[in-house]
Amino acid sequence: MDKDRIDGALKNAAGSVKEATGKVLGDTKLETEGAAEKAAGKVQNAVGGVKDTVRGDA
């Protein structure tokens, strides 16, 4: 499993927590940062998946 998949999954999870916290607190900036972090994590995870596929690890 590629390191990007692990890092992406962690970033996605952290972004989800940040986004949810922002919603609960009514902090739009925190919510937006969380959504952006979550999106970046999904992209990084996808990149890791492609690397795994190319290497034949999938």
C-alpha atoms as a PDB file:
ATOM      1  CA  MET A   1       0.000   0.000   0.000  1.00  0.00           C
ATOM      2  CA  ASP A   2       1.390   3.359  -1.019  1.00  0.00           C
ATOM      3  CA  LYS A   3       2.221   5.940   1.655  1.00  0.00           C
ATOM      4  CA  ASP A   4       0.027   8.480  -0.179  1.00  0.00           C
ATOM      5  CA  ARG A   5      -3.030   6.296   0.440  1.00  0.00           C
ATOM      6  CA  ILE A   6      -2.364   6.244   4.183  1.00  0.00           C
ATOM      7  CA  ASP A   7      -1.553   9.949   4.404  1.00  0.00           C
ATOM      8  CA  GLY A   8      -4.572  10.785   2.260  1.00  0.00           C
ATOM      9  CA  ALA A   9      -6.901   8.765   4.465  1.00  0.00           C
ATOM     10  CA  LEU A  10      -5.545  10.494   7.587  1.00  0.00           C
ATOM     11  CA  LYS A  11      -5.883  13.922   5.984  1.00  0.00           C
ATOM     12  CA  ASN A  12      -9.437  13.085   4.903  1.00  0.00           C
ATOM     13  CA  ALA A  13     -10.363  12.016   8.442  1.00  0.00           C
ATOM     14  CA  ALA A  14      -8.786  15.094  10.010  1.00  0.00           C
ATOM     15  CA  GLY A  15     -10.589  17.315   7.507  1.00  0.00           C
ATOM     16  CA  SER A  16     -13.904  15.670   8.348  1.00  0.00           C
ATOM     17  CA  VAL A  17     -13.381  16.338  12.051  1.00  0.00           C
ATOM     18  CA  LYS A  18     -12.361  19.932  11.383  1.00  0.00           C
ATOM     19  CA  GLU A  19     -15.351  20.485   9.102  1.00  0.00           C
ATOM     20  CA  ALA A  20     -17.786  19.014  11.639  1.00  0.00           C
ATOM     21  CA  THR A  21     -16.277  21.096  14.438  1.00  0.00           C
ATOM     22  CA  GLY A  22     -16.658  24.223  12.326  1.00  0.00           C
ATOM     23  CA  LYS A  23     -20.325  23.392  11.697  1.00  0.00           C
ATOM     24  CA  VAL A  24     -21.020  22.807  15.388  1.00  0.00           C
ATOM     25  CA  LEU A  25     -19.259  25.988  16.450  1.00  0.00           C
ATOM     26  CA  GLY A  26     -20.671  28.045  13.601  1.00  0.00           C
ATOM     27  CA  ASP A  27     -17.114  28.818  12.467  1.00  0.00           C
ATOM     28  CA  THR A  28     -17.337  29.124   8.685  1.00  0.00           C
ATOM     29  CA  LYS A  29     -13.569  29.498   8.261  1.00  0.00           C
ATOM     30  CA  LEU A  30     -12.841  26.285  10.183  1.00  0.00           C
ATOM     31  CA  GLU A  31     -15.586  24.468   8.279  1.00  0.00           C
ATOM     32  CA  THR A  32     -14.144  25.593   4.937  1.00  0.00           C
ATOM     33  CA  GLU A  33     -10.596  24.634   5.954  1.00  0.00           C
ATOM     34  CA  GLY A  34     -11.861  21.198   6.946  1.00  0.00           C
ATOM     35  CA  ALA A  35     -13.656  20.711   3.642  1.00  0.00           C
ATOM     36  CA  ALA A  36     -10.513  21.714   1.734  1.00  0.00           C
ATOM     37  CA  GLU A  37      -8.348  19.378   3.821  1.00  0.00           C
ATOM     38  CA  LYS A  38     -10.843  16.560   3.263  1.00  0.00           C
ATOM     39  CA  ALA A  39     -10.770  17.130  -0.507  1.00  0.00           C
ATOM     40  CA  ALA A  40      -6.970  17.176  -0.522  1.00  0.00           C
ATOM     41  CA  GLY A  41      -6.958  13.907   1.396  1.00  0.00           C
ATOM     42  CA  LYS A  42      -9.271  12.278  -1.130  1.00  0.00           C
ATOM     43  CA  VAL A  43      -7.026  13.389  -3.994  1.00  0.00           C
ATOM     44  CA  GLN A  44      -3.886  12.160  -2.228  1.00  0.00           C
ATOM     45  CA  ASN A  45      -5.568   8.823  -1.507  1.00  0.00           C
ATOM     46  CA  ALA A  46      -6.533   8.497  -5.177  1.00  0.00           C
ATOM     47  CA  VAL A  47      -2.962   9.246  -6.262  1.00  0.00           C
ATOM     48  CA  GLY A  48      -1.749   6.498  -3.951  1.00  0.00           C
ATOM     49  CA  GLY A  49      -4.294   4.130  -5.449  1.00  0.00           C
ATOM     50  CA  VAL A  50      -3.004   4.867  -8.936  1.00  0.00           C
ATOM     51  CA  LYS A  51       0.567   4.251  -7.783  1.00  0.00           C
ATOM     52  CA  ASP A  52      -0.499   0.916  -6.276  1.00  0.00           C
ATOM     53  CA  THR A  53      -2.238  -0.051  -9.514  1.00  0.00           C
ATOM     54  CA  VAL A  54       0.807   0.842 -11.602  1.00  0.00           C
ATOM     55  CA  ARG A  55       3.039  -1.212  -9.315  1.00  0.00           C
ATOM     56  CA  GLY A  56       0.547  -4.079  -9.263  1.00  0.00           C
ATOM     57  CA  ASP A  57      -0.103  -3.846  -5.496  1.00  0.00           C
ATOM     58  CA  ALA A  58      -3.871  -3.449  -5.850  1.00  0.00           C
END
